[in-house]
Amino acid sequence: MQAKQNSPSERFKRKVLMRWRWLAERGMSLELAAVEVGVEAADLRRWLRGGESQAPLFVPVQVEAESTSPRQITVVLARGVRVEGMTVADIAELLRRLS
């Protein structure tokens, strides 16, 4: 019985196509590029024709607003003592007093 082969993820295809474009700009043939990235040349051709992986791997984002309230941190000490709701300044003071 033959094991079912998983098809590559869209993310993998995008990464391969990005690498192919980079190699093609430097004059590498599709066949050599396929060998370099570890895929079959036929798959690389199909992915290029399909155009399903034209979306960029990274997209810009903009943070609209950040929280201005102090961060609340939970500290769990070695013997299981749990202290919740501490700020970074509180933790620094705790460490100073414990040392």
PDB file of N, CA and C in Angstrom:
ATOM      1  N   MET A   1       0.844  -1.182   0.000  1.00  0.00           N
ATOM      2  CA  MET A   1       0.000   0.000   0.000  1.00  0.00           C
ATOM      3  C   MET A   1       0.889   1.246   0.000  1.00  0.00           C
ATOM      4  N   GLN A   2       0.597   2.203  -0.868  1.00  0.00           N
ATOM      5  CA  GLN A   2       1.398   3.403  -1.001  1.00  0.00           C
ATOM      6  C   GLN A   2       0.904   4.467  -0.023  1.00  0.00           C
ATOM      7  N   ALA A   3       1.844   5.111   0.653  1.00  0.00           N
ATOM      8  CA  ALA A   3       1.475   6.161   1.607  1.00  0.00           C
ATOM      9  C   ALA A   3       1.004   7.401   0.856  1.00  0.00           C
ATOM     10  N   LYS A   4       0.028   8.085   1.423  1.00  0.00           N
ATOM     11  CA  LYS A   4      -0.487   9.314   0.821  1.00  0.00           C
ATOM     12  C   LYS A   4       0.555  10.418   0.982  1.00  0.00           C
ATOM     13  N   GLN A   5       0.886  11.106  -0.116  1.00  0.00           N
ATOM     14  CA  GLN A   5       1.842  12.197  -0.052  1.00  0.00           C
ATOM     15  C   GLN A   5       1.092  13.497   0.191  1.00  0.00           C
ATOM     16  N   ASN A   6       1.608  14.287   1.103  1.00  0.00           N
ATOM     17  CA  ASN A   6       0.997  15.584   1.381  1.00  0.00           C
ATOM     18  C   ASN A   6       1.439  16.575   0.322  1.00  0.00           C
ATOM     19  N   SER A   7       0.512  17.413  -0.136  1.00  0.00           N
ATOM     20  CA  SER A   7       0.897  18.453  -1.079  1.00  0.00           C
ATOM     21  C   SER A   7       1.537  19.599  -0.301  1.00  0.00           C
ATOM     22  N   PRO A   8       2.455  20.299  -0.943  1.00  0.00           N
ATOM     23  CA  PRO A   8       3.138  21.402  -0.259  1.00  0.00           C
ATOM     24  C   PRO A   8       2.167  22.510   0.136  1.00  0.00           C
ATOM     25  N   SER A   9       2.464  23.158   1.228  1.00  0.00           N
ATOM     26  CA  SER A   9       1.614  24.259   1.698  1.00  0.00           C
ATOM     27  C   SER A   9       1.789  25.477   0.790  1.00  0.00           C
ATOM     28  N   GLU A  10       0.822  26.360   0.860  1.00  0.00           N
ATOM     29  CA  GLU A  10       0.907  27.598   0.081  1.00  0.00           C
ATOM     30  C   GLU A  10       2.115  28.425   0.511  1.00  0.00           C
ATOM     31  N   ARG A  11       2.415  28.402   1.785  1.00  0.00           N
ATOM     32  CA  ARG A  11       3.578  29.143   2.287  1.00  0.00           C
ATOM     33  C   ARG A  11       4.857  28.599   1.671  1.00  0.00           C
ATOM     34  N   PHE A  12       4.979  27.279   1.616  1.00  0.00           N
ATOM     35  CA  PHE A  12       6.156  26.661   1.010  1.00  0.00           C
ATOM     36  C   PHE A  12       6.260  27.054  -0.463  1.00  0.00           C
ATOM     37  N   LYS A  13       5.133  27.007  -1.171  1.00  0.00           N
ATOM     38  CA  LYS A  13       5.141  27.372  -2.595  1.00  0.00           C
ATOM     39  C   LYS A  13       5.589  28.819  -2.785  1.00  0.00           C
ATOM     40  N   ARG A  14       5.064  29.721  -1.943  1.00  0.00           N
ATOM     41  CA  ARG A  14       5.462  31.137  -2.048  1.00  0.00           C
ATOM     42  C   ARG A  14       6.949  31.297  -1.819  1.00  0.00           C
ATOM     43  N   LYS A  15       7.488  30.584  -0.822  1.00  0.00           N
ATOM     44  CA  LYS A  15       8.923  30.687  -0.541  1.00  0.00           C
ATOM     45  C   LYS A  15       9.742  30.170  -1.718  1.00  0.00           C
ATOM     46  N   VAL A  16       9.317  29.034  -2.302  1.00  0.00           N
ATOM     47  CA  VAL A  16      10.032  28.481  -3.453  1.00  0.00           C
ATOM     48  C   VAL A  16       9.971  29.452  -4.629  1.00  0.00           C
ATOM     49  N   LEU A  17       8.799  30.030  -4.883  1.00  0.00           N
ATOM     50  CA  LEU A  17       8.664  30.959  -6.001  1.00  0.00           C
ATOM     51  C   LEU A  17       9.477  32.233  -5.779  1.00  0.00           C
ATOM     52  N   MET A  18       9.543  32.702  -4.549  1.00  0.00           N
ATOM     53  CA  MET A  18      10.385  33.868  -4.251  1.00  0.00           C
ATOM     54  C   MET A  18      11.842  33.546  -4.526  1.00  0.00           C
ATOM     55  N   ARG A  19      12.271  32.360  -4.091  1.00  0.00           N
ATOM     56  CA  ARG A  19      13.659  31.945  -4.336  1.00  0.00           C
ATOM     57  C   ARG A  19      13.905  31.789  -5.830  1.00  0.00           C
ATOM     58  N   TRP A  20      12.935  31.222  -6.572  1.00  0.00           N
ATOM     59  CA  TRP A  20      13.068  31.057  -8.016  1.00  0.00           C
ATOM     60  C   TRP A  20      13.236  32.416  -8.691  1.00  0.00           C
ATOM     61  N   ARG A  21      12.434  33.383  -8.304  1.00  0.00           N
ATOM     62  CA  ARG A  21      12.538  34.720  -8.911  1.00  0.00           C
ATOM     63  C   ARG A  21      13.914  35.323  -8.656  1.00  0.00           C
ATOM     64  N   TRP A  22      14.412  35.144  -7.447  1.00  0.00           N
ATOM     65  CA  TRP A  22      15.731  35.666  -7.100  1.00  0.00           C
ATOM     66  C   TRP A  22      16.801  34.992  -7.951  1.00  0.00           C
ATOM     67  N   LEU A  23      16.724  33.665  -8.098  1.00  0.00           N
ATOM     68  CA  LEU A  23      17.697  32.924  -8.902  1.00  0.00           C
ATOM     69  C   LEU A  23      17.566  33.267 -10.383  1.00  0.00           C
ATOM     70  N   ALA A  24      16.333  33.434 -10.864  1.00  0.00           N
ATOM     71  CA  ALA A  24      16.111  33.776 -12.269  1.00  0.00           C
ATOM     72  C   ALA A  24      16.709  35.135 -12.605  1.00  0.00           C
ATOM     73  N   GLU A  25      16.615  36.089 -11.672  1.00  0.00           N
ATOM     74  CA  GLU A  25      17.215  37.408 -11.881  1.00  0.00           C
ATOM     75  C   GLU A  25      18.722  37.313 -12.041  1.00  0.00           C
ATOM     76  N   ARG A  26      19.309  36.270 -11.514  1.00  0.00           N
ATOM     77  CA  ARG A  26      20.750  36.069 -11.594  1.00  0.00           C
ATOM     78  C   ARG A  26      21.138  35.119 -12.731  1.00  0.00           C
ATOM     79  N   GLY A  27      20.151  34.798 -13.583  1.00  0.00           N
ATOM     80  CA  GLY A  27      20.430  34.036 -14.779  1.00  0.00           C
ATOM     81  C   GLY A  27      20.336  32.519 -14.652  1.00  0.00           C
ATOM     82  N   MET A  28      19.826  32.014 -13.558  1.00  0.00           N
ATOM     83  CA  MET A  28      19.734  30.565 -13.393  1.00  0.00           C
ATOM     84  C   MET A  28      18.501  30.027 -14.110  1.00  0.00           C
ATOM     85  N   SER A  29      18.667  28.881 -14.761  1.00  0.00           N
ATOM     86  CA  SER A  29      17.541  28.252 -15.458  1.00  0.00           C
ATOM     87  C   SER A  29      16.552  27.673 -14.450  1.00  0.00           C
ATOM     88  N   LEU A  30      15.343  27.452 -14.925  1.00  0.00           N
ATOM     89  CA  LEU A  30      14.306  26.888 -14.066  1.00  0.00           C
ATOM     90  C   LEU A  30      14.714  25.508 -13.564  1.00  0.00           C
ATOM     91  N   GLU A  31      15.290  24.690 -14.428  1.00  0.00           N
ATOM     92  CA  GLU A  31      15.676  23.333 -14.047  1.00  0.00           C
ATOM     93  C   GLU A  31      16.735  23.340 -12.939  1.00  0.00           C
ATOM     94  N   LEU A  32      17.746  24.188 -13.090  1.00  0.00           N
ATOM     95  CA  LEU A  32      18.787  24.266 -12.055  1.00  0.00           C
ATOM     96  C   LEU A  32      18.232  24.846 -10.755  1.00  0.00           C
ATOM     97  N   ALA A  33      17.359  25.820 -10.885  1.00  0.00           N
ATOM     98  CA  ALA A  33      16.758  26.417  -9.691  1.00  0.00           C
ATOM     99  C   ALA A  33      15.919  25.384  -8.952  1.00  0.00           C
ATOM    100  N   ALA A  34      15.190  24.565  -9.686  1.00  0.00           N
ATOM    101  CA  ALA A  34      14.365  23.531  -9.054  1.00  0.00           C
ATOM    102  C   ALA A  34      15.248  22.572  -8.259  1.00  0.00           C
ATOM    103  N   VAL A  35      16.390  22.198  -8.836  1.00  0.00           N
ATOM    104  CA  VAL A  35      17.314  21.318  -8.126  1.00  0.00           C
ATOM    105  C   VAL A  35      17.826  22.005  -6.862  1.00  0.00           C
ATOM    106  N   GLU A  36      18.162  23.287  -6.980  1.00  0.00           N
ATOM    107  CA  GLU A  36      18.697  24.014  -5.827  1.00  0.00           C
ATOM    108  C   GLU A  36      17.698  24.117  -4.686  1.00  0.00           C
ATOM    109  N   VAL A  37      16.434  24.351  -5.005  1.00  0.00           N
ATOM    110  CA  VAL A  37      15.436  24.501  -3.942  1.00  0.00           C
ATOM    111  C   VAL A  37      14.824  23.171  -3.533  1.00  0.00           C
ATOM    112  N   GLY A  38      15.129  22.108  -4.275  1.00  0.00           N
ATOM    113  CA  GLY A  38      14.682  20.780  -3.863  1.00  0.00           C
ATOM    114  C   GLY A  38      13.275  20.396  -4.283  1.00  0.00           C
ATOM    115  N   VAL A  39      12.839  20.892  -5.439  1.00  0.00           N
ATOM    116  CA  VAL A  39      11.530  20.518  -5.955  1.00  0.00           C
ATOM    117  C   VAL A  39      11.688  20.031  -7.384  1.00  0.00           C
ATOM    118  N   GLU A  40      10.672  19.368  -7.894  1.00  0.00           N
ATOM    119  CA  GLU A  40      10.670  18.933  -9.291  1.00  0.00           C
ATOM    120  C   GLU A  40      10.446  20.150 -10.190  1.00  0.00           C
ATOM    121  N   ALA A  41      11.130  20.173 -11.330  1.00  0.00           N
ATOM    122  CA  ALA A  41      10.968  21.276 -12.274  1.00  0.00           C
ATOM    123  C   ALA A  41       9.517  21.385 -12.748  1.00  0.00           C
ATOM    124  N   ALA A  42       8.859  20.241 -12.923  1.00  0.00           N
ATOM    125  CA  ALA A  42       7.453  20.259 -13.355  1.00  0.00           C
ATOM    126  C   ALA A  42       6.566  20.937 -12.315  1.00  0.00           C
ATOM    127  N   ASP A  43       6.831  20.689 -11.037  1.00  0.00           N
ATOM    128  CA  ASP A  43       6.051  21.343  -9.982  1.00  0.00           C
ATOM    129  C   ASP A  43       6.288  22.844 -10.001  1.00  0.00           C
ATOM    130  N   LEU A  44       7.548  23.235 -10.149  1.00  0.00           N
ATOM    131  CA  LEU A  44       7.874  24.659 -10.180  1.00  0.00           C
ATOM    132  C   LEU A  44       7.183  25.335 -11.355  1.00  0.00           C
ATOM    133  N   ARG A  45       7.181  24.704 -12.530  1.00  0.00           N
ATOM    134  CA  ARG A  45       6.474  25.264 -13.692  1.00  0.00           C
ATOM    135  C   ARG A  45       4.976  25.405 -13.405  1.00  0.00           C
ATOM    136  N   ARG A  46       4.391  24.370 -12.811  1.00  0.00           N
ATOM    137  CA  ARG A  46       2.955  24.390 -12.515  1.00  0.00           C
ATOM    138  C   ARG A  46       2.632  25.516 -11.530  1.00  0.00           C
ATOM    139  N   TRP A  47       3.468  25.681 -10.514  1.00  0.00           N
ATOM    140  CA  TRP A  47       3.228  26.741  -9.532  1.00  0.00           C
ATOM    141  C   TRP A  47       3.360  28.118 -10.179  1.00  0.00           C
ATOM    142  N   LEU A  48       4.314  28.254 -11.119  1.00  0.00           N
ATOM    143  CA  LEU A  48       4.470  29.526 -11.815  1.00  0.00           C
ATOM    144  C   LEU A  48       3.251  29.841 -12.672  1.00  0.00           C
ATOM    145  N   ARG A  49       2.702  28.835 -13.347  1.00  0.00           N
ATOM    146  CA  ARG A  49       1.518  29.028 -14.182  1.00  0.00           C
ATOM    147  C   ARG A  49       0.282  29.297 -13.331  1.00  0.00           C
ATOM    148  N   GLY A  50       0.206  28.599 -12.201  1.00  0.00           N
ATOM    149  CA  GLY A  50      -0.991  28.700 -11.364  1.00  0.00           C
ATOM    150  C   GLY A  50      -1.209  30.080 -10.798  1.00  0.00           C
ATOM    151  N   GLY A  51      -0.135  30.776 -10.496  1.00  0.00           N
ATOM    152  CA  GLY A  51      -0.249  32.116  -9.953  1.00  0.00           C
ATOM    153  C   GLY A  51      -0.880  32.171  -8.575  1.00  0.00           C
ATOM    154  N   GLU A  52      -1.120  30.983  -7.971  1.00  0.00           N
ATOM    155  CA  GLU A  52      -1.764  30.987  -6.668  1.00  0.00           C
ATOM    156  C   GLU A  52      -0.848  31.506  -5.576  1.00  0.00           C
ATOM    157  N   SER A  53       0.424  31.581  -5.854  1.00  0.00           N
ATOM    158  CA  SER A  53       1.364  31.988  -4.813  1.00  0.00           C
ATOM    159  C   SER A  53       1.951  33.365  -5.084  1.00  0.00           C
ATOM    160  N   GLN A  54       1.191  34.240  -5.693  1.00  0.00           N
ATOM    161  CA  GLN A  54       1.676  35.579  -5.987  1.00  0.00           C
ATOM    162  C   GLN A  54       1.624  36.497  -4.773  1.00  0.00           C
ATOM    163  N   ALA A  55       0.874  36.106  -3.755  1.00  0.00           N
ATOM    164  CA  ALA A  55       0.774  36.934  -2.552  1.00  0.00           C
ATOM    165  C   ALA A  55       2.137  36.987  -1.861  1.00  0.00           C
ATOM    166  N   PRO A  56       2.521  38.152  -1.367  1.00  0.00           N
ATOM    167  CA  PRO A  56       3.809  38.249  -0.688  1.00  0.00           C
ATOM    168  C   PRO A  56       3.831  37.436   0.595  1.00  0.00           C
ATOM    169  N   LEU A  57       5.016  36.983   0.954  1.00  0.00           N
ATOM    170  CA  LEU A  57       5.178  36.200   2.164  1.00  0.00           C
ATOM    171  C   LEU A  57       5.013  37.084   3.402  1.00  0.00           C
ATOM    172  N   PHE A  58       5.477  38.335   3.324  1.00  0.00           N
ATOM    173  CA  PHE A  58       5.346  39.285   4.426  1.00  0.00           C
ATOM    174  C   PHE A  58       4.545  40.479   3.939  1.00  0.00           C
ATOM    175  N   VAL A  59       3.699  40.988   4.786  1.00  0.00           N
ATOM    176  CA  VAL A  59       2.924  42.171   4.440  1.00  0.00           C
ATOM    177  C   VAL A  59       3.122  43.214   5.534  1.00  0.00           C
ATOM    178  N   PRO A  60       3.143  44.505   5.159  1.00  0.00           N
ATOM    179  CA  PRO A  60       3.335  45.543   6.169  1.00  0.00           C
ATOM    180  C   PRO A  60       2.092  45.679   7.045  1.00  0.00           C
ATOM    181  N   VAL A  61       2.305  45.982   8.295  1.00  0.00           N
ATOM    182  CA  VAL A  61       1.212  46.242   9.226  1.00  0.00           C
ATOM    183  C   VAL A  61       1.478  47.553   9.938  1.00  0.00           C
ATOM    184  N   GLN A  62       0.437  48.154  10.455  1.00  0.00           N
ATOM    185  CA  GLN A  62       0.575  49.385  11.213  1.00  0.00           C
ATOM    186  C   GLN A  62      -0.157  49.216  12.531  1.00  0.00           C
ATOM    187  N   VAL A  63       0.530  49.495  13.616  1.00  0.00           N
ATOM    188  CA  VAL A  63      -0.088  49.421  14.935  1.00  0.00           C
ATOM    189  C   VAL A  63      -0.808  50.731  15.166  1.00  0.00           C
ATOM    190  N   GLU A  64      -2.114  50.645  15.336  1.00  0.00           N
ATOM    191  CA  GLU A  64      -2.940  51.844  15.484  1.00  0.00           C
ATOM    192  C   GLU A  64      -2.751  52.489  16.860  1.00  0.00           C
ATOM    193  N   ALA A  65      -2.849  51.689  17.908  1.00  0.00           N
ATOM    194  CA  ALA A  65      -2.716  52.243  19.249  1.00  0.00           C
ATOM    195  C   ALA A  65      -2.176  51.163  20.171  1.00  0.00           C
ATOM    196  N   GLU A  66      -1.272  51.561  21.024  1.00  0.00           N
ATOM    197  CA  GLU A  66      -0.741  50.629  22.004  1.00  0.00           C
ATOM    198  C   GLU A  66      -1.332  50.949  23.364  1.00  0.00           C
ATOM    199  N   SER A  67      -1.406  49.929  24.184  1.00  0.00           N
ATOM    200  CA  SER A  67      -1.918  50.117  25.530  1.00  0.00           C
ATOM    201  C   SER A  67      -0.949  50.989  26.324  1.00  0.00           C
ATOM    202  N   THR A  68      -1.497  51.962  27.026  1.00  0.00           N
ATOM    203  CA  THR A  68      -0.660  52.825  27.846  1.00  0.00           C
ATOM    204  C   THR A  68      -0.660  52.383  29.301  1.00  0.00           C
ATOM    205  N   SER A  69      -1.485  51.389  29.632  1.00  0.00           N
ATOM    206  CA  SER A  69      -1.509  50.901  31.011  1.00  0.00           C
ATOM    207  C   SER A  69      -0.289  50.028  31.257  1.00  0.00           C
ATOM    208  N   PRO A  70       0.211  50.019  32.481  1.00  0.00           N
ATOM    209  CA  PRO A  70       1.372  49.195  32.770  1.00  0.00           C
ATOM    210  C   PRO A  70       1.064  47.716  32.573  1.00  0.00           C
ATOM    211  N   ARG A  71       2.043  46.985  32.124  1.00  0.00           N
ATOM    212  CA  ARG A  71       1.851  45.548  31.908  1.00  0.00           C
ATOM    213  C   ARG A  71       1.739  44.832  33.237  1.00  0.00           C
ATOM    214  N   GLN A  72       0.822  43.906  33.290  1.00  0.00           N
ATOM    215  CA  GLN A  72       0.620  43.106  34.487  1.00  0.00           C
ATOM    216  C   GLN A  72       1.290  41.756  34.272  1.00  0.00           C
ATOM    217  N   ILE A  73       2.188  41.397  35.158  1.00  0.00           N
ATOM    218  CA  ILE A  73       2.972  40.176  35.033  1.00  0.00           C
ATOM    219  C   ILE A  73       2.702  39.286  36.236  1.00  0.00           C
ATOM    220  N   THR A  74       2.709  37.983  36.015  1.00  0.00           N
ATOM    221  CA  THR A  74       2.560  37.016  37.087  1.00  0.00           C
ATOM    222  C   THR A  74       3.918  36.383  37.354  1.00  0.00           C
ATOM    223  N   VAL A  75       4.301  36.330  38.618  1.00  0.00           N
ATOM    224  CA  VAL A  75       5.565  35.713  39.023  1.00  0.00           C
ATOM    225  C   VAL A  75       5.245  34.478  39.850  1.00  0.00           C
ATOM    226  N   VAL A  76       5.878  33.354  39.504  1.00  0.00           N
ATOM    227  CA  VAL A  76       5.723  32.128  40.281  1.00  0.00           C
ATOM    228  C   VAL A  76       7.099  31.774  40.825  1.00  0.00           C
ATOM    229  N   LEU A  77       7.217  31.779  42.149  1.00  0.00           N
ATOM    230  CA  LEU A  77       8.492  31.494  42.792  1.00  0.00           C
ATOM    231  C   LEU A  77       8.718  29.990  42.883  1.00  0.00           C
ATOM    232  N   ALA A  78       9.933  29.589  43.208  1.00  0.00           N
ATOM    233  CA  ALA A  78      10.337  28.185  43.195  1.00  0.00           C
ATOM    234  C   ALA A  78       9.456  27.300  44.062  1.00  0.00           C
ATOM    235  N   ARG A  79       8.972  27.775  45.162  1.00  0.00           N
ATOM    236  CA  ARG A  79       8.164  26.943  46.068  1.00  0.00           C
ATOM    237  C   ARG A  79       6.677  27.026  45.771  1.00  0.00           C
ATOM    238  N   GLY A  80       6.329  27.577  44.602  1.00  0.00           N
ATOM    239  CA  GLY A  80       4.931  27.612  44.197  1.00  0.00           C
ATOM    240  C   GLY A  80       4.191  28.873  44.570  1.00  0.00           C
ATOM    241  N   VAL A  81       4.857  29.806  45.213  1.00  0.00           N
ATOM    242  CA  VAL A  81       4.206  31.070  45.551  1.00  0.00           C
ATOM    243  C   VAL A  81       3.946  31.826  44.254  1.00  0.00           C
ATOM    244  N   ARG A  82       2.714  32.261  44.087  1.00  0.00           N
ATOM    245  CA  ARG A  82       2.315  32.942  42.857  1.00  0.00           C
ATOM    246  C   ARG A  82       1.903  34.369  43.200  1.00  0.00           C
ATOM    247  N   VAL A  83       2.523  35.341  42.523  1.00  0.00           N
ATOM    248  CA  VAL A  83       2.207  36.752  42.723  1.00  0.00           C
ATOM    249  C   VAL A  83       1.738  37.303  41.382  1.00  0.00           C
ATOM    250  N   GLU A  84       0.503  37.822  41.352  1.00  0.00           N
ATOM    251  CA  GLU A  84      -0.071  38.317  40.100  1.00  0.00           C
ATOM    252  C   GLU A  84      -0.202  39.826  40.121  1.00  0.00           C
ATOM    253  N   GLY A  85      -0.246  40.407  38.931  1.00  0.00           N
ATOM    254  CA  GLY A  85      -0.516  41.837  38.795  1.00  0.00           C
ATOM    255  C   GLY A  85       0.687  42.720  39.017  1.00  0.00           C
ATOM    256  N   MET A  86       1.876  42.179  38.860  1.00  0.00           N
ATOM    257  CA  MET A  86       3.083  42.976  39.084  1.00  0.00           C
ATOM    258  C   MET A  86       3.478  43.712  37.809  1.00  0.00           C
ATOM    259  N   THR A  87       4.066  44.872  37.987  1.00  0.00           N
ATOM    260  CA  THR A  87       4.643  45.599  36.862  1.00  0.00           C
ATOM    261  C   THR A  87       6.124  45.240  36.793  1.00  0.00           C
ATOM    262  N   VAL A  88       6.766  45.660  35.743  1.00  0.00           N
ATOM    263  CA  VAL A  88       8.203  45.413  35.608  1.00  0.00           C
ATOM    264  C   VAL A  88       8.956  46.077  36.760  1.00  0.00           C
ATOM    265  N   ALA A  89       8.540  47.264  37.144  1.00  0.00           N
ATOM    266  CA  ALA A  89       9.185  47.964  38.262  1.00  0.00           C
ATOM    267  C   ALA A  89       9.002  47.179  39.560  1.00  0.00           C
ATOM    268  N   ASP A  90       7.810  46.600  39.773  1.00  0.00           N
ATOM    269  CA  ASP A  90       7.554  45.788  40.963  1.00  0.00           C
ATOM    270  C   ASP A  90       8.473  44.571  40.997  1.00  0.00           C
ATOM    271  N   ILE A  91       8.649  43.919  39.861  1.00  0.00           N
ATOM    272  CA  ILE A  91       9.512  42.739  39.791  1.00  0.00           C
ATOM    273  C   ILE A  91      10.956  43.117  40.065  1.00  0.00           C
ATOM    274  N   ALA A  92      11.396  44.244  39.517  1.00  0.00           N
ATOM    275  CA  ALA A  92      12.767  44.703  39.765  1.00  0.00           C
ATOM    276  C   ALA A  92      12.979  44.935  41.260  1.00  0.00           C
ATOM    277  N   GLU A  93      12.011  45.564  41.900  1.00  0.00           N
ATOM    278  CA  GLU A  93      12.113  45.803  43.335  1.00  0.00           C
ATOM    279  C   GLU A  93      12.109  44.497  44.116  1.00  0.00           C
ATOM    280  N   LEU A  94      11.255  43.535  43.740  1.00  0.00           N
ATOM    281  CA  LEU A  94      11.212  42.233  44.391  1.00  0.00           C
ATOM    282  C   LEU A  94      12.574  41.524  44.285  1.00  0.00           C
ATOM    283  N   LEU A  95      13.131  41.527  43.080  1.00  0.00           N
ATOM    284  CA  LEU A  95      14.433  40.885  42.881  1.00  0.00           C
ATOM    285  C   LEU A  95      15.524  41.572  43.703  1.00  0.00           C
ATOM    286  N   ARG A  96      15.475  42.893  43.779  1.00  0.00           N
ATOM    287  CA  ARG A  96      16.458  43.643  44.578  1.00  0.00           C
ATOM    288  C   ARG A  96      16.373  43.238  46.047  1.00  0.00           C
ATOM    289  N   ARG A  97      15.159  43.092  46.545  1.00  0.00           N
ATOM    290  CA  ARG A  97      14.978  42.751  47.963  1.00  0.00           C
ATOM    291  C   ARG A  97      15.331  41.298  48.256  1.00  0.00           C
ATOM    292  N   LEU A  98      15.113  40.405  47.293  1.00  0.00           N
ATOM    293  CA  LEU A  98      15.411  38.998  47.511  1.00  0.00           C
ATOM    294  C   LEU A  98      16.888  38.665  47.390  1.00  0.00           C
ATOM    295  N   SER A  99      17.644  39.530  46.740  1.00  0.00           N
ATOM    296  CA  SER A  99      19.075  39.219  46.566  1.00  0.00           C
ATOM    297  C   SER A  99      19.951  39.760  47.673  1.00  0.00           C
TER     298      SER A  99
END
